[in-house]
Amino acid sequence: MQDPRYPIGKYIVQPFSEKLLREWLNDIKYLPQHIENAILNLDEAQINTPYRDGGWTVKQLVHHVADSHMNAYMRFKLALTEDNPTIRPYDQTKWAELIDSKETPEISLFILTGIHKRWVALMKNMTVSDWARPLKHPEHDRQLTLAMISQQYKWHCEHHLQHILQLRNRRSF
């Protein structure tokens, strides 16, 4: 049986290529629409159902993706405007427990739609050297590039989308 925490498997680094970049950008571009479709017609009880035992609810997942992608967008902007910035980590579990994560998920869909439009516009206009711009992630004590981060967030998009879709399939929502 597949581990419900990782419906598409754990993140695996892939080498950067222009072809893969186009795929990553496409997945990032369409995520808000895919999430909106995934939660369409779910009632309050279904939205408040955890995607797995001990996991976040669908509502929390949607808010988490918005929180995470706002941070990613800001990290891109920092890396494009500063020399090797150190990014600030945050406790995503504690963020998911804050009161705003109990609000309707449509709020975070609005955020995602706006952030993703701006983020994709930014990424589409980046040069090859922009993709290689470094930033430091102190939590993992490693240097990352914007190419690496875009790949991680492409995975992140599909990872959480599949949490919702697989829950719907298991529960026949």
C-alpha atoms as a PDB file:
ATOM      1  CA  MET A   1       0.000   0.000   0.000  1.00  0.00           C
ATOM      2  CA  GLN A   2       1.190   3.494  -0.875  1.00  0.00           C
ATOM      3  CA  ASP A   3       2.167   5.828   1.972  1.00  0.00           C
ATOM      4  CA  PRO A   4      -0.689   8.413   2.094  1.00  0.00           C
ATOM      5  CA  ARG A   5       1.771  11.075   3.246  1.00  0.00           C
ATOM      6  CA  TYR A   6       3.540  10.866  -0.129  1.00  0.00           C
ATOM      7  CA  PRO A   7       0.947  10.143  -2.814  1.00  0.00           C
ATOM      8  CA  ILE A   8       3.419  10.897  -5.627  1.00  0.00           C
ATOM      9  CA  GLY A   9       6.479   9.656  -3.735  1.00  0.00           C
ATOM     10  CA  LYS A  10       9.091  11.636  -1.870  1.00  0.00           C
ATOM     11  CA  TYR A  11      10.756  14.580  -3.551  1.00  0.00           C
ATOM     12  CA  ILE A  12      13.676  13.560  -5.777  1.00  0.00           C
ATOM     13  CA  VAL A  13      16.020  16.143  -7.287  1.00  0.00           C
ATOM     14  CA  GLN A  14      16.094  16.145 -11.076  1.00  0.00           C
ATOM     15  CA  PRO A  15      18.741  17.829 -13.198  1.00  0.00           C
ATOM     16  CA  PHE A  16      17.723  21.239 -14.493  1.00  0.00           C
ATOM     17  CA  SER A  17      16.743  21.483 -18.145  1.00  0.00           C
ATOM     18  CA  GLU A  18      14.738  23.936 -20.249  1.00  0.00           C
ATOM     19  CA  LYS A  19      12.215  21.167 -21.054  1.00  0.00           C
ATOM     20  CA  LEU A  20      11.667  20.315 -17.388  1.00  0.00           C
ATOM     21  CA  LEU A  21      11.460  23.995 -16.518  1.00  0.00           C
ATOM     22  CA  ARG A  22       8.536  24.436 -18.931  1.00  0.00           C
ATOM     23  CA  GLU A  23       6.768  21.485 -17.246  1.00  0.00           C
ATOM     24  CA  TRP A  24       7.420  22.938 -13.785  1.00  0.00           C
ATOM     25  CA  LEU A  25       6.106  26.339 -14.815  1.00  0.00           C
ATOM     26  CA  ASN A  26       2.986  24.783 -16.310  1.00  0.00           C
ATOM     27  CA  ASP A  27       2.242  22.843 -13.124  1.00  0.00           C
ATOM     28  CA  ILE A  28       2.799  25.932 -10.991  1.00  0.00           C
ATOM     29  CA  LYS A  29       0.695  28.073 -13.334  1.00  0.00           C
ATOM     30  CA  TYR A  30      -2.352  25.812 -13.214  1.00  0.00           C
ATOM     31  CA  LEU A  31      -2.254  24.731  -9.554  1.00  0.00           C
ATOM     32  CA  PRO A  32      -4.865  27.235  -8.304  1.00  0.00           C
ATOM     33  CA  GLN A  33      -7.341  26.026 -10.919  1.00  0.00           C
ATOM     34  CA  HIS A  34      -6.587  22.372 -10.140  1.00  0.00           C
ATOM     35  CA  ILE A  35      -7.089  22.896  -6.404  1.00  0.00           C
ATOM     36  CA  GLU A  36     -10.298  24.811  -7.028  1.00  0.00           C
ATOM     37  CA  ASN A  37     -11.575  21.893  -9.125  1.00  0.00           C
ATOM     38  CA  ALA A  38     -10.431  19.377  -6.499  1.00  0.00           C
ATOM     39  CA  ILE A  39     -12.476  21.009  -3.726  1.00  0.00           C
ATOM     40  CA  LEU A  40     -15.466  21.843  -5.908  1.00  0.00           C
ATOM     41  CA  ASN A  41     -18.775  20.791  -4.336  1.00  0.00           C
ATOM     42  CA  LEU A  42     -17.228  19.580  -1.089  1.00  0.00           C
ATOM     43  CA  ASP A  43     -19.447  20.356   1.878  1.00  0.00           C
ATOM     44  CA  GLU A  44     -18.231  21.638   5.259  1.00  0.00           C
ATOM     45  CA  ALA A  45     -17.796  18.135   6.721  1.00  0.00           C
ATOM     46  CA  GLN A  46     -15.772  17.015   3.703  1.00  0.00           C
ATOM     47  CA  ILE A  47     -13.579  20.138   3.724  1.00  0.00           C
ATOM     48  CA  ASN A  48     -12.862  19.430   7.402  1.00  0.00           C
ATOM     49  CA  THR A  49     -11.853  15.796   6.737  1.00  0.00           C
ATOM     50  CA  PRO A  50      -8.158  14.959   7.161  1.00  0.00           C
ATOM     51  CA  TYR A  51      -6.547  13.551   4.029  1.00  0.00           C
ATOM     52  CA  ARG A  52      -5.096  10.749   6.214  1.00  0.00           C
ATOM     53  CA  ASP A  53      -5.172   9.702   9.865  1.00  0.00           C
ATOM     54  CA  GLY A  54      -3.307  12.377  11.802  1.00  0.00           C
ATOM     55  CA  GLY A  55      -3.027  14.594   8.731  1.00  0.00           C
ATOM     56  CA  TRP A  56      -4.298  18.025   7.880  1.00  0.00           C
ATOM     57  CA  THR A  57      -7.838  18.644   6.758  1.00  0.00           C
ATOM     58  CA  VAL A  58      -8.547  19.609   3.162  1.00  0.00           C
ATOM     59  CA  LYS A  59      -9.117  23.150   4.413  1.00  0.00           C
ATOM     60  CA  GLN A  60      -5.733  23.206   6.151  1.00  0.00           C
ATOM     61  CA  LEU A  61      -4.048  21.804   3.036  1.00  0.00           C
ATOM     62  CA  VAL A  62      -5.401  24.599   0.865  1.00  0.00           C
ATOM     63  CA  HIS A  63      -4.327  27.247   3.381  1.00  0.00           C
ATOM     64  CA  HIS A  64      -0.925  25.564   3.748  1.00  0.00           C
ATOM     65  CA  VAL A  65      -0.321  25.662   0.000  1.00  0.00           C
ATOM     66  CA  ALA A  66      -1.142  29.381  -0.053  1.00  0.00           C
ATOM     67  CA  ASP A  67       1.192  30.030   2.908  1.00  0.00           C
ATOM     68  CA  SER A  68       3.968  27.967   1.375  1.00  0.00           C
ATOM     69  CA  HIS A  69       3.699  29.490  -2.072  1.00  0.00           C
ATOM     70  CA  MET A  70       3.608  33.040  -0.708  1.00  0.00           C
ATOM     71  CA  ASN A  71       6.896  32.233   0.988  1.00  0.00           C
ATOM     72  CA  ALA A  72       8.292  30.698  -2.213  1.00  0.00           C
ATOM     73  CA  TYR A  73       7.365  33.768  -4.243  1.00  0.00           C
ATOM     74  CA  MET A  74       9.055  36.042  -1.717  1.00  0.00           C
ATOM     75  CA  ARG A  75      12.137  33.799  -1.719  1.00  0.00           C
ATOM     76  CA  PHE A  76      12.342  34.162  -5.488  1.00  0.00           C
ATOM     77  CA  LYS A  77      12.152  37.935  -5.214  1.00  0.00           C
ATOM     78  CA  LEU A  78      14.818  37.976  -2.509  1.00  0.00           C
ATOM     79  CA  ALA A  79      17.170  35.800  -4.559  1.00  0.00           C
ATOM     80  CA  LEU A  80      16.652  37.968  -7.640  1.00  0.00           C
ATOM     81  CA  THR A  81      17.338  41.217  -5.804  1.00  0.00           C
ATOM     82  CA  GLU A  82      19.940  40.305  -3.169  1.00  0.00           C
ATOM     83  CA  ASP A  83      23.234  38.438  -3.219  1.00  0.00           C
ATOM     84  CA  ASN A  84      22.839  34.966  -1.721  1.00  0.00           C
ATOM     85  CA  PRO A  85      20.131  35.882   0.820  1.00  0.00           C
ATOM     86  CA  THR A  86      19.415  33.675   3.788  1.00  0.00           C
ATOM     87  CA  ILE A  87      15.750  32.787   3.724  1.00  0.00           C
ATOM     88  CA  ARG A  88      13.650  32.622   6.832  1.00  0.00           C
ATOM     89  CA  PRO A  89      12.168  29.233   7.658  1.00  0.00           C
ATOM     90  CA  TYR A  90       8.794  28.930   9.353  1.00  0.00           C
ATOM     91  CA  ASP A  91       6.971  26.215  11.269  1.00  0.00           C
ATOM     92  CA  GLN A  92       4.372  25.038   8.764  1.00  0.00           C
ATOM     93  CA  THR A  93       2.670  22.796  11.314  1.00  0.00           C
ATOM     94  CA  LYS A  94       2.099  25.689  13.713  1.00  0.00           C
ATOM     95  CA  TRP A  95       0.943  27.899  10.824  1.00  0.00           C
ATOM     96  CA  ALA A  96      -1.630  25.237   9.864  1.00  0.00           C
ATOM     97  CA  GLU A  97      -2.997  25.328  13.417  1.00  0.00           C
ATOM     98  CA  LEU A  98      -3.540  29.104  13.509  1.00  0.00           C
ATOM     99  CA  ILE A  99      -7.118  30.370  13.483  1.00  0.00           C
ATOM    100  CA  ASP A 100      -6.943  31.671   9.904  1.00  0.00           C
ATOM    101  CA  SER A 101      -6.534  28.074   8.709  1.00  0.00           C
ATOM    102  CA  LYS A 102     -10.118  27.491   9.802  1.00  0.00           C
ATOM    103  CA  GLU A 103     -11.441  30.098   7.347  1.00  0.00           C
ATOM    104  CA  THR A 104     -13.069  29.081   4.092  1.00  0.00           C
ATOM    105  CA  PRO A 105     -10.473  27.714   1.641  1.00  0.00           C
ATOM    106  CA  GLU A 106     -11.728  30.039  -1.091  1.00  0.00           C
ATOM    107  CA  ILE A 107      -9.774  32.835   0.604  1.00  0.00           C
ATOM    108  CA  SER A 108      -6.541  30.962  -0.017  1.00  0.00           C
ATOM    109  CA  LEU A 109      -7.604  30.154  -3.566  1.00  0.00           C
ATOM    110  CA  PHE A 110      -7.795  33.906  -4.235  1.00  0.00           C
ATOM    111  CA  ILE A 111      -4.309  34.289  -2.757  1.00  0.00           C
ATOM    112  CA  LEU A 112      -2.967  31.375  -4.799  1.00  0.00           C
ATOM    113  CA  THR A 113      -4.440  32.721  -8.007  1.00  0.00           C
ATOM    114  CA  GLY A 114      -2.807  36.109  -7.548  1.00  0.00           C
ATOM    115  CA  ILE A 115       0.520  34.822  -6.274  1.00  0.00           C
ATOM    116  CA  HIS A 116       0.791  32.234  -9.031  1.00  0.00           C
ATOM    117  CA  LYS A 117       0.025  34.774 -11.776  1.00  0.00           C
ATOM    118  CA  ARG A 118       2.757  37.063 -10.496  1.00  0.00           C
ATOM    119  CA  TRP A 119       5.175  34.193  -9.756  1.00  0.00           C
ATOM    120  CA  VAL A 120       4.778  32.649 -13.217  1.00  0.00           C
ATOM    121  CA  ALA A 121       5.163  36.068 -14.880  1.00  0.00           C
ATOM    122  CA  LEU A 122       8.388  36.512 -12.934  1.00  0.00           C
ATOM    123  CA  MET A 123       9.684  33.035 -13.773  1.00  0.00           C
ATOM    124  CA  LYS A 124       8.839  33.297 -17.480  1.00  0.00           C
ATOM    125  CA  ASN A 125      11.103  36.318 -17.759  1.00  0.00           C
ATOM    126  CA  MET A 126      14.080  34.921 -15.872  1.00  0.00           C
ATOM    127  CA  THR A 127      17.397  34.361 -17.619  1.00  0.00           C
ATOM    128  CA  VAL A 128      19.557  31.254 -17.362  1.00  0.00           C
ATOM    129  CA  SER A 129      21.778  33.072 -14.879  1.00  0.00           C
ATOM    130  CA  ASP A 130      18.712  34.065 -12.830  1.00  0.00           C
ATOM    131  CA  TRP A 131      17.815  30.387 -12.386  1.00  0.00           C
ATOM    132  CA  ALA A 132      21.294  29.781 -10.963  1.00  0.00           C
ATOM    133  CA  ARG A 133      20.983  32.549  -8.359  1.00  0.00           C
ATOM    134  CA  PRO A 134      21.725  31.140  -4.900  1.00  0.00           C
ATOM    135  CA  LEU A 135      19.999  31.462  -1.587  1.00  0.00           C
ATOM    136  CA  LYS A 136      20.743  29.828   1.736  1.00  0.00           C
ATOM    137  CA  HIS A 137      18.213  27.749   3.607  1.00  0.00           C
ATOM    138  CA  PRO A 138      19.413  27.734   7.246  1.00  0.00           C
ATOM    139  CA  GLU A 139      17.004  25.013   8.359  1.00  0.00           C
ATOM    140  CA  HIS A 140      18.624  22.541   5.957  1.00  0.00           C
ATOM    141  CA  ASP A 141      22.031  24.257   6.067  1.00  0.00           C
ATOM    142  CA  ARG A 142      22.390  24.218   2.313  1.00  0.00           C
ATOM    143  CA  GLN A 143      22.668  26.429  -0.681  1.00  0.00           C
ATOM    144  CA  LEU A 144      19.780  26.299  -3.115  1.00  0.00           C
ATOM    145  CA  THR A 145      19.217  27.855  -6.499  1.00  0.00           C
ATOM    146  CA  LEU A 146      16.001  29.199  -7.946  1.00  0.00           C
ATOM    147  CA  ALA A 147      16.001  26.250 -10.362  1.00  0.00           C
ATOM    148  CA  MET A 148      16.071  23.874  -7.392  1.00  0.00           C
ATOM    149  CA  ILE A 149      13.283  25.745  -5.622  1.00  0.00           C
ATOM    150  CA  SER A 150      11.071  25.775  -8.710  1.00  0.00           C
ATOM    151  CA  GLN A 151      11.444  22.006  -8.951  1.00  0.00           C
ATOM    152  CA  GLN A 152      10.570  21.564  -5.275  1.00  0.00           C
ATOM    153  CA  TYR A 153       7.450  23.671  -5.656  1.00  0.00           C
ATOM    154  CA  LYS A 154       6.395  21.844  -8.803  1.00  0.00           C
ATOM    155  CA  TRP A 155       6.521  18.678  -6.672  1.00  0.00           C
ATOM    156  CA  HIS A 156       4.751  20.490  -3.809  1.00  0.00           C
ATOM    157  CA  CYS A 157       1.882  21.458  -6.132  1.00  0.00           C
ATOM    158  CA  GLU A 158       1.208  17.898  -7.239  1.00  0.00           C
ATOM    159  CA  HIS A 159       1.905  16.428  -3.780  1.00  0.00           C
ATOM    160  CA  HIS A 160      -0.887  18.352  -2.047  1.00  0.00           C
ATOM    161  CA  LEU A 161      -3.260  18.247  -4.994  1.00  0.00           C
ATOM    162  CA  GLN A 162      -3.035  14.449  -4.884  1.00  0.00           C
ATOM    163  CA  HIS A 163      -3.720  14.455  -1.134  1.00  0.00           C
ATOM    164  CA  ILE A 164      -7.098  16.024  -1.892  1.00  0.00           C
ATOM    165  CA  LEU A 165      -7.878  13.967  -4.997  1.00  0.00           C
ATOM    166  CA  GLN A 166      -6.981  10.660  -3.383  1.00  0.00           C
ATOM    167  CA  LEU A 167      -9.081  11.490  -0.322  1.00  0.00           C
ATOM    168  CA  ARG A 168     -12.000  12.223  -2.649  1.00  0.00           C
ATOM    169  CA  ASN A 169     -11.510   8.868  -4.362  1.00  0.00           C
ATOM    170  CA  ARG A 170     -11.178   6.907  -1.111  1.00  0.00           C
ATOM    171  CA  ARG A 171     -14.255   8.558   0.425  1.00  0.00           C
ATOM    172  CA  SER A 172     -16.228   8.893  -2.814  1.00  0.00           C
ATOM    173  CA  PHE A 173     -16.695  12.616  -2.240  1.00  0.00           C
END
